[in-house]
Amino acid sequence: MIHRIVTMELLVGSVVVSKGPADGHTLLMGATGPISINPATYRNVSYAPQKDFVPISLVASFPLVVSTNAIRR
């Protein structure tokens, strides 16, 4: 449940920042995984990561793993 809440908060924050002015005062610090995967996961994401965001700094680097139940079809 906690992961879902954090993901939704990042989604809402990403939408707010993507609609804000490109004046250098509105910044988003988030993991690239959820920011880039959310448009494929949720139906109505109103931002396009490659168009609406510009990376300015790398703060950390870590692997991203996507997994699912092997029995589920």
C-alpha atoms as a PDB file:
ATOM      1  CA  MET A   1       0.000   0.000   0.000  1.00  0.00           C
ATOM      2  CA  ILE A   2       2.805   2.435   0.821  1.00  0.00           C
ATOM      3  CA  HIS A   3       4.412   1.923  -2.614  1.00  0.00           C
ATOM      4  CA  ARG A   4       1.102   2.767  -4.290  1.00  0.00           C
ATOM      5  CA  ILE A   5       0.778   5.990  -2.280  1.00  0.00           C
ATOM      6  CA  VAL A   6       4.328   7.089  -3.122  1.00  0.00           C
ATOM      7  CA  THR A   7       3.775   6.299  -6.807  1.00  0.00           C
ATOM      8  CA  MET A   8       0.556   8.330  -6.877  1.00  0.00           C
ATOM      9  CA  GLU A   9       2.250  11.275  -5.146  1.00  0.00           C
ATOM     10  CA  LEU A  10       5.029  11.223  -7.761  1.00  0.00           C
ATOM     11  CA  LEU A  11       2.391  11.051 -10.498  1.00  0.00           C
ATOM     12  CA  VAL A  12       0.540  14.088  -9.115  1.00  0.00           C
ATOM     13  CA  GLY A  13       3.812  15.989  -8.595  1.00  0.00           C
ATOM     14  CA  SER A  14       4.949  15.176 -12.123  1.00  0.00           C
ATOM     15  CA  VAL A  15       1.705  16.504 -13.582  1.00  0.00           C
ATOM     16  CA  VAL A  16       1.936  19.728 -11.550  1.00  0.00           C
ATOM     17  CA  VAL A  17       5.560  20.347 -12.588  1.00  0.00           C
ATOM     18  CA  SER A  18       4.879  19.519 -16.254  1.00  0.00           C
ATOM     19  CA  LYS A  19       2.151  22.197 -16.334  1.00  0.00           C
ATOM     20  CA  GLY A  20       4.261  24.808 -14.527  1.00  0.00           C
ATOM     21  CA  PRO A  21       6.291  27.548 -16.181  1.00  0.00           C
ATOM     22  CA  ALA A  22       9.721  26.631 -17.575  1.00  0.00           C
ATOM     23  CA  ASP A  23      11.390  29.382 -15.567  1.00  0.00           C
ATOM     24  CA  GLY A  24      13.880  27.334 -13.539  1.00  0.00           C
ATOM     25  CA  HIS A  25      11.978  27.828 -10.268  1.00  0.00           C
ATOM     26  CA  THR A  26       9.744  24.753 -10.500  1.00  0.00           C
ATOM     27  CA  LEU A  27      11.794  21.584 -10.067  1.00  0.00           C
ATOM     28  CA  LEU A  28      10.936  17.900  -9.752  1.00  0.00           C
ATOM     29  CA  MET A  29      13.237  15.405  -8.067  1.00  0.00           C
ATOM     30  CA  GLY A  30      12.042  11.930  -8.859  1.00  0.00           C
ATOM     31  CA  ALA A  31      13.181   8.532  -9.999  1.00  0.00           C
ATOM     32  CA  THR A  32      13.305   8.096 -13.764  1.00  0.00           C
ATOM     33  CA  GLY A  33      11.581   4.700 -13.545  1.00  0.00           C
ATOM     34  CA  PRO A  34       8.139   5.840 -12.347  1.00  0.00           C
ATOM     35  CA  ILE A  35       8.267   9.073 -14.339  1.00  0.00           C
ATOM     36  CA  SER A  36       8.849   7.185 -17.578  1.00  0.00           C
ATOM     37  CA  ILE A  37       6.660   4.141 -16.793  1.00  0.00           C
ATOM     38  CA  ASN A  38       3.563   5.986 -15.491  1.00  0.00           C
ATOM     39  CA  PRO A  39       2.318   6.985 -18.979  1.00  0.00           C
ATOM     40  CA  ALA A  40       2.306   3.287 -19.940  1.00  0.00           C
ATOM     41  CA  THR A  41       0.732   2.193 -16.642  1.00  0.00           C
ATOM     42  CA  TYR A  42      -2.032   4.758 -16.128  1.00  0.00           C
ATOM     43  CA  ARG A  43      -4.642   5.726 -18.715  1.00  0.00           C
ATOM     44  CA  ASN A  44      -4.855   9.475 -18.243  1.00  0.00           C
ATOM     45  CA  VAL A  45      -1.356  10.737 -17.542  1.00  0.00           C
ATOM     46  CA  SER A  46      -1.256  14.279 -18.841  1.00  0.00           C
ATOM     47  CA  TYR A  47       2.486  14.550 -19.376  1.00  0.00           C
ATOM     48  CA  ALA A  48       5.018  13.136 -21.821  1.00  0.00           C
ATOM     49  CA  PRO A  49       8.357  12.531 -20.037  1.00  0.00           C
ATOM     50  CA  GLN A  50      10.606  13.171 -23.038  1.00  0.00           C
ATOM     51  CA  LYS A  51       8.732  16.313 -24.077  1.00  0.00           C
ATOM     52  CA  ASP A  52       7.740  17.900 -20.763  1.00  0.00           C
ATOM     53  CA  PHE A  53      10.891  17.387 -18.652  1.00  0.00           C
ATOM     54  CA  VAL A  54      14.559  18.277 -19.080  1.00  0.00           C
ATOM     55  CA  PRO A  55      17.133  16.478 -16.912  1.00  0.00           C
ATOM     56  CA  ILE A  56      19.492  18.880 -15.154  1.00  0.00           C
ATOM     57  CA  SER A  57      21.466  16.655 -12.769  1.00  0.00           C
ATOM     58  CA  LEU A  58      22.050  13.030 -11.796  1.00  0.00           C
ATOM     59  CA  VAL A  59      21.655  12.683  -8.030  1.00  0.00           C
ATOM     60  CA  ALA A  60      21.814   8.887  -7.719  1.00  0.00           C
ATOM     61  CA  SER A  61      21.885   5.773  -9.859  1.00  0.00           C
ATOM     62  CA  PHE A  62      20.202   2.458  -9.089  1.00  0.00           C
ATOM     63  CA  PRO A  63      18.824  -0.515 -11.049  1.00  0.00           C
ATOM     64  CA  LEU A  64      15.153  -0.771 -11.956  1.00  0.00           C
ATOM     65  CA  VAL A  65      13.512  -4.186 -11.861  1.00  0.00           C
ATOM     66  CA  VAL A  66      10.016  -4.975 -13.122  1.00  0.00           C
ATOM     67  CA  SER A  67       8.559  -8.293 -11.977  1.00  0.00           C
ATOM     68  CA  THR A  68       5.253 -10.130 -11.880  1.00  0.00           C
ATOM     69  CA  ASN A  69       3.775 -13.360 -10.582  1.00  0.00           C
ATOM     70  CA  ALA A  70       4.973 -16.260 -12.770  1.00  0.00           C
ATOM     71  CA  ILE A  71       1.603 -18.047 -12.523  1.00  0.00           C
ATOM     72  CA  ARG A  72      -0.536 -15.094 -13.593  1.00  0.00           C
ATOM     73  CA  ARG A  73      -1.615 -15.120 -17.237  1.00  0.00           C
END
